[in-house]
Amino acid sequence: MLNTIFKTALNCIVLFLFWSCTSSKEYQYTITKNYKPDDQKLYETIVVLDSLFFNAYNTCEVNLETYGNFYADDIEFYHDNGGIMTSKNAIIEGTQKNICGKVTRELVKGSIEVYPIKNFGAIEIGLHKFHNNTEPKNAKSNIGRFMIIWKNDNNNWKITRVVSLH
């Protein structure tokens, strides 16, 4: 009898957990609740750099050199599906082959957070989507997280590390 009650209770708990995990809730994709930049000027600088970098990415068939100039020579690019790349030239060539004219990036509005790194630069964290340009305009695109480490050398900003998670 006690064993039957225990099994029934356990089944109810499992069903409740399954139901709560599969409910269709609207999720907010904020990285950190109530984020406020530590340094507003730095935040604005990084937001502009992000825009310029991904504009070059999205139009790389004509702006490939501009795109490549954002990367530091010692770049490390970590991608959850693609692995790690440490060659600037290989990243640029891969972008030219697989991205240019085929994929565009869309920033999730309001998702960028910027954290200063003393005597180095900044870390940018945010959310974005990538759209396959061969699919219909309304095709679903999943939101992914990213982190970019920017180095500031006399106001010459370079991307030194990227983490891209989908």
C-alpha atoms as a PDB file:
ATOM      1  CA  MET A   1       0.000   0.000   0.000  1.00  0.00           C
ATOM      2  CA  LEU A   2       2.737   2.474   0.996  1.00  0.00           C
ATOM      3  CA  ASN A   3       4.695   1.481  -2.109  1.00  0.00           C
ATOM      4  CA  THR A   4       1.658   2.231  -4.331  1.00  0.00           C
ATOM      5  CA  ILE A   5       1.163   5.661  -2.721  1.00  0.00           C
ATOM      6  CA  PHE A   6       4.857   6.441  -3.201  1.00  0.00           C
ATOM      7  CA  LYS A   7       4.741   5.423  -6.889  1.00  0.00           C
ATOM      8  CA  THR A   8       1.592   7.481  -7.470  1.00  0.00           C
ATOM      9  CA  ALA A   9       3.130  10.547  -5.803  1.00  0.00           C
ATOM     10  CA  LEU A  10       6.333  10.124  -7.796  1.00  0.00           C
ATOM     11  CA  ASN A  11       4.362   9.846 -11.057  1.00  0.00           C
ATOM     12  CA  CYS A  12       2.428  13.023 -10.179  1.00  0.00           C
ATOM     13  CA  ILE A  13       5.667  14.905  -9.502  1.00  0.00           C
ATOM     14  CA  VAL A  14       7.205  13.720 -12.788  1.00  0.00           C
ATOM     15  CA  LEU A  15       4.057  14.677 -14.722  1.00  0.00           C
ATOM     16  CA  PHE A  16       3.974  18.102 -13.037  1.00  0.00           C
ATOM     17  CA  LEU A  17       7.634  18.738 -13.895  1.00  0.00           C
ATOM     18  CA  PHE A  18       7.072  17.620 -17.490  1.00  0.00           C
ATOM     19  CA  TRP A  19       4.013  19.843 -17.805  1.00  0.00           C
ATOM     20  CA  SER A  20       5.762  22.892 -16.314  1.00  0.00           C
ATOM     21  CA  CYS A  21       8.778  22.468 -18.604  1.00  0.00           C
ATOM     22  CA  THR A  22       6.681  22.151 -21.751  1.00  0.00           C
ATOM     23  CA  SER A  23       4.201  24.925 -21.149  1.00  0.00           C
ATOM     24  CA  SER A  24       4.181  27.689 -23.755  1.00  0.00           C
ATOM     25  CA  LYS A  25       5.443  30.647 -21.747  1.00  0.00           C
ATOM     26  CA  GLU A  26       6.649  33.886 -23.264  1.00  0.00           C
ATOM     27  CA  TYR A  27      10.327  34.171 -22.339  1.00  0.00           C
ATOM     28  CA  GLN A  28      12.252  37.373 -21.980  1.00  0.00           C
ATOM     29  CA  TYR A  29      15.773  36.967 -23.328  1.00  0.00           C
ATOM     30  CA  THR A  30      17.483  39.435 -21.053  1.00  0.00           C
ATOM     31  CA  ILE A  31      20.966  38.334 -20.130  1.00  0.00           C
ATOM     32  CA  THR A  32      20.968  40.015 -16.732  1.00  0.00           C
ATOM     33  CA  LYS A  33      17.930  41.513 -15.084  1.00  0.00           C
ATOM     34  CA  ASN A  34      17.969  45.287 -14.787  1.00  0.00           C
ATOM     35  CA  TYR A  35      21.306  45.681 -16.593  1.00  0.00           C
ATOM     36  CA  LYS A  36      22.794  49.171 -16.374  1.00  0.00           C
ATOM     37  CA  PRO A  37      26.148  49.902 -18.027  1.00  0.00           C
ATOM     38  CA  ASP A  38      29.059  50.605 -15.686  1.00  0.00           C
ATOM     39  CA  ASP A  39      30.400  53.029 -18.272  1.00  0.00           C
ATOM     40  CA  GLN A  40      27.812  54.571 -20.614  1.00  0.00           C
ATOM     41  CA  LYS A  41      30.397  55.904 -23.069  1.00  0.00           C
ATOM     42  CA  LEU A  42      32.064  52.484 -23.335  1.00  0.00           C
ATOM     43  CA  TYR A  43      28.654  50.858 -23.782  1.00  0.00           C
ATOM     44  CA  GLU A  44      27.800  53.225 -26.639  1.00  0.00           C
ATOM     45  CA  THR A  45      31.209  52.624 -28.252  1.00  0.00           C
ATOM     46  CA  ILE A  46      30.769  48.845 -28.205  1.00  0.00           C
ATOM     47  CA  VAL A  47      27.194  49.048 -29.503  1.00  0.00           C
ATOM     48  CA  VAL A  48      28.450  51.106 -32.452  1.00  0.00           C
ATOM     49  CA  LEU A  49      31.340  48.672 -33.038  1.00  0.00           C
ATOM     50  CA  ASP A  50      28.909  45.734 -32.944  1.00  0.00           C
ATOM     51  CA  SER A  51      26.732  47.476 -35.524  1.00  0.00           C
ATOM     52  CA  LEU A  52      29.681  48.262 -37.800  1.00  0.00           C
ATOM     53  CA  PHE A  53      31.153  44.776 -37.480  1.00  0.00           C
ATOM     54  CA  PHE A  54      27.908  42.975 -38.240  1.00  0.00           C
ATOM     55  CA  ASN A  55      27.038  45.377 -41.042  1.00  0.00           C
ATOM     56  CA  ALA A  56      30.328  44.306 -42.649  1.00  0.00           C
ATOM     57  CA  TYR A  57      29.410  40.662 -41.865  1.00  0.00           C
ATOM     58  CA  ASN A  58      25.953  41.025 -43.418  1.00  0.00           C
ATOM     59  CA  THR A  59      27.371  42.691 -46.536  1.00  0.00           C
ATOM     60  CA  CYS A  60      30.659  40.815 -46.690  1.00  0.00           C
ATOM     61  CA  GLU A  61      30.403  40.131 -50.399  1.00  0.00           C
ATOM     62  CA  VAL A  62      31.393  43.814 -50.763  1.00  0.00           C
ATOM     63  CA  ASN A  63      32.863  44.504 -47.303  1.00  0.00           C
ATOM     64  CA  LEU A  64      34.995  41.420 -46.627  1.00  0.00           C
ATOM     65  CA  GLU A  65      38.151  43.461 -46.003  1.00  0.00           C
ATOM     66  CA  THR A  66      36.309  45.725 -43.543  1.00  0.00           C
ATOM     67  CA  TYR A  67      34.909  42.625 -41.823  1.00  0.00           C
ATOM     68  CA  GLY A  68      38.356  41.035 -41.542  1.00  0.00           C
ATOM     69  CA  ASN A  69      39.958  44.192 -40.164  1.00  0.00           C
ATOM     70  CA  PHE A  70      37.866  43.917 -37.005  1.00  0.00           C
ATOM     71  CA  TYR A  71      39.702  40.743 -35.947  1.00  0.00           C
ATOM     72  CA  ALA A  72      42.987  40.765 -34.047  1.00  0.00           C
ATOM     73  CA  ASP A  73      45.759  38.631 -35.512  1.00  0.00           C
ATOM     74  CA  ASP A  74      45.615  36.350 -32.448  1.00  0.00           C
ATOM     75  CA  ILE A  75      41.828  35.782 -32.686  1.00  0.00           C
ATOM     76  CA  GLU A  76      40.218  32.802 -30.977  1.00  0.00           C
ATOM     77  CA  PHE A  77      36.710  31.982 -32.193  1.00  0.00           C
ATOM     78  CA  TYR A  78      34.766  29.392 -30.180  1.00  0.00           C
ATOM     79  CA  HIS A  79      31.608  28.043 -31.803  1.00  0.00           C
ATOM     80  CA  ASP A  80      29.471  25.424 -30.096  1.00  0.00           C
ATOM     81  CA  ASN A  81      28.799  23.613 -33.376  1.00  0.00           C
ATOM     82  CA  GLY A  82      31.943  24.436 -35.355  1.00  0.00           C
ATOM     83  CA  GLY A  83      34.615  24.146 -32.667  1.00  0.00           C
ATOM     84  CA  ILE A  84      37.520  26.548 -32.286  1.00  0.00           C
ATOM     85  CA  MET A  85      39.268  28.570 -34.961  1.00  0.00           C
ATOM     86  CA  THR A  86      42.495  30.439 -34.270  1.00  0.00           C
ATOM     87  CA  SER A  87      43.420  31.570 -37.766  1.00  0.00           C
ATOM     88  CA  LYS A  88      42.195  35.008 -38.803  1.00  0.00           C
ATOM     89  CA  ASN A  89      42.571  34.050 -42.461  1.00  0.00           C
ATOM     90  CA  ALA A  90      40.619  30.810 -41.976  1.00  0.00           C
ATOM     91  CA  ILE A  91      37.779  32.718 -40.284  1.00  0.00           C
ATOM     92  CA  ILE A  92      37.643  35.240 -43.131  1.00  0.00           C
ATOM     93  CA  GLU A  93      37.808  32.511 -45.794  1.00  0.00           C
ATOM     94  CA  GLY A  94      35.103  30.496 -43.999  1.00  0.00           C
ATOM     95  CA  THR A  95      32.910  33.572 -43.818  1.00  0.00           C
ATOM     96  CA  GLN A  96      33.432  34.283 -47.509  1.00  0.00           C
ATOM     97  CA  LYS A  97      32.601  30.680 -48.451  1.00  0.00           C
ATOM     98  CA  ASN A  98      29.707  29.993 -46.058  1.00  0.00           C
ATOM     99  CA  ILE A  99      28.191  33.341 -45.038  1.00  0.00           C
ATOM    100  CA  CYS A 100      28.552  36.060 -47.675  1.00  0.00           C
ATOM    101  CA  GLY A 101      25.253  36.459 -49.507  1.00  0.00           C
ATOM    102  CA  LYS A 102      23.803  33.441 -47.687  1.00  0.00           C
ATOM    103  CA  VAL A 103      23.362  34.410 -44.027  1.00  0.00           C
ATOM    104  CA  THR A 104      22.543  37.621 -42.172  1.00  0.00           C
ATOM    105  CA  ARG A 105      22.770  38.370 -38.489  1.00  0.00           C
ATOM    106  CA  GLU A 106      20.055  40.196 -36.556  1.00  0.00           C
ATOM    107  CA  LEU A 107      20.770  41.549 -33.081  1.00  0.00           C
ATOM    108  CA  VAL A 108      18.058  40.973 -30.503  1.00  0.00           C
ATOM    109  CA  LYS A 109      17.189  44.566 -29.684  1.00  0.00           C
ATOM    110  CA  GLY A 110      18.207  45.665 -26.202  1.00  0.00           C
ATOM    111  CA  SER A 111      20.211  42.518 -25.439  1.00  0.00           C
ATOM    112  CA  ILE A 112      23.747  43.929 -25.478  1.00  0.00           C
ATOM    113  CA  GLU A 113      25.587  44.183 -22.192  1.00  0.00           C
ATOM    114  CA  VAL A 114      29.078  45.653 -21.962  1.00  0.00           C
ATOM    115  CA  TYR A 115      31.550  45.144 -19.129  1.00  0.00           C
ATOM    116  CA  PRO A 116      34.842  47.053 -18.962  1.00  0.00           C
ATOM    117  CA  ILE A 117      38.084  45.107 -18.593  1.00  0.00           C
ATOM    118  CA  LYS A 118      40.647  47.317 -16.879  1.00  0.00           C
ATOM    119  CA  ASN A 119      43.704  48.138 -19.003  1.00  0.00           C
ATOM    120  CA  PHE A 120      42.432  45.968 -21.850  1.00  0.00           C
ATOM    121  CA  GLY A 121      39.027  46.762 -23.333  1.00  0.00           C
ATOM    122  CA  ALA A 122      35.582  45.296 -22.850  1.00  0.00           C
ATOM    123  CA  ILE A 123      33.422  42.206 -22.936  1.00  0.00           C
ATOM    124  CA  GLU A 124      30.229  42.370 -24.953  1.00  0.00           C
ATOM    125  CA  ILE A 125      27.476  39.836 -24.254  1.00  0.00           C
ATOM    126  CA  GLY A 126      24.237  39.629 -26.176  1.00  0.00           C
ATOM    127  CA  LEU A 127      21.676  37.712 -28.157  1.00  0.00           C
ATOM    128  CA  HIS A 128      21.242  37.432 -31.885  1.00  0.00           C
ATOM    129  CA  LYS A 129      19.609  35.455 -34.677  1.00  0.00           C
ATOM    130  CA  PHE A 130      21.013  34.292 -37.969  1.00  0.00           C
ATOM    131  CA  HIS A 131      18.803  34.131 -41.041  1.00  0.00           C
ATOM    132  CA  ASN A 132      19.442  31.837 -43.978  1.00  0.00           C
ATOM    133  CA  ASN A 133      18.810  34.074 -46.986  1.00  0.00           C
ATOM    134  CA  THR A 134      17.725  31.117 -49.117  1.00  0.00           C
ATOM    135  CA  GLU A 135      14.735  30.473 -46.833  1.00  0.00           C
ATOM    136  CA  PRO A 136      11.457  32.439 -46.859  1.00  0.00           C
ATOM    137  CA  LYS A 137      11.566  35.811 -45.045  1.00  0.00           C
ATOM    138  CA  ASN A 138       9.313  34.558 -42.226  1.00  0.00           C
ATOM    139  CA  ALA A 139      11.291  31.358 -41.553  1.00  0.00           C
ATOM    140  CA  LYS A 140      11.915  30.741 -37.863  1.00  0.00           C
ATOM    141  CA  SER A 141      15.348  31.656 -36.595  1.00  0.00           C
ATOM    142  CA  ASN A 142      16.534  30.589 -33.156  1.00  0.00           C
ATOM    143  CA  ILE A 143      18.078  33.039 -30.744  1.00  0.00           C
ATOM    144  CA  GLY A 144      21.691  32.401 -29.802  1.00  0.00           C
ATOM    145  CA  ARG A 145      24.019  33.891 -27.213  1.00  0.00           C
ATOM    146  CA  PHE A 146      27.345  35.477 -28.013  1.00  0.00           C
ATOM    147  CA  MET A 147      30.288  37.008 -26.232  1.00  0.00           C
ATOM    148  CA  ILE A 148      32.908  39.191 -27.888  1.00  0.00           C
ATOM    149  CA  ILE A 149      36.073  40.318 -26.143  1.00  0.00           C
ATOM    150  CA  TRP A 150      37.226  43.653 -27.525  1.00  0.00           C
ATOM    151  CA  LYS A 151      40.782  44.960 -27.064  1.00  0.00           C
ATOM    152  CA  ASN A 152      41.336  48.701 -27.093  1.00  0.00           C
ATOM    153  CA  ASP A 153      44.798  49.725 -28.238  1.00  0.00           C
ATOM    154  CA  ASN A 154      44.872  53.554 -28.380  1.00  0.00           C
ATOM    155  CA  ASN A 155      41.233  53.662 -29.499  1.00  0.00           C
ATOM    156  CA  ASN A 156      41.882  50.988 -32.137  1.00  0.00           C
ATOM    157  CA  TRP A 157      39.347  48.317 -31.195  1.00  0.00           C
ATOM    158  CA  LYS A 158      39.948  44.708 -32.231  1.00  0.00           C
ATOM    159  CA  ILE A 159      38.036  41.494 -31.577  1.00  0.00           C
ATOM    160  CA  THR A 160      40.334  39.066 -29.770  1.00  0.00           C
ATOM    161  CA  ARG A 161      37.895  36.344 -28.647  1.00  0.00           C
ATOM    162  CA  VAL A 162      34.413  35.281 -29.742  1.00  0.00           C
ATOM    163  CA  VAL A 163      32.095  32.731 -28.150  1.00  0.00           C
ATOM    164  CA  SER A 164      29.050  31.900 -30.250  1.00  0.00           C
ATOM    165  CA  LEU A 165      26.338  29.609 -28.864  1.00  0.00           C
ATOM    166  CA  HIS A 166      23.212  28.552 -30.717  1.00  0.00           C
END
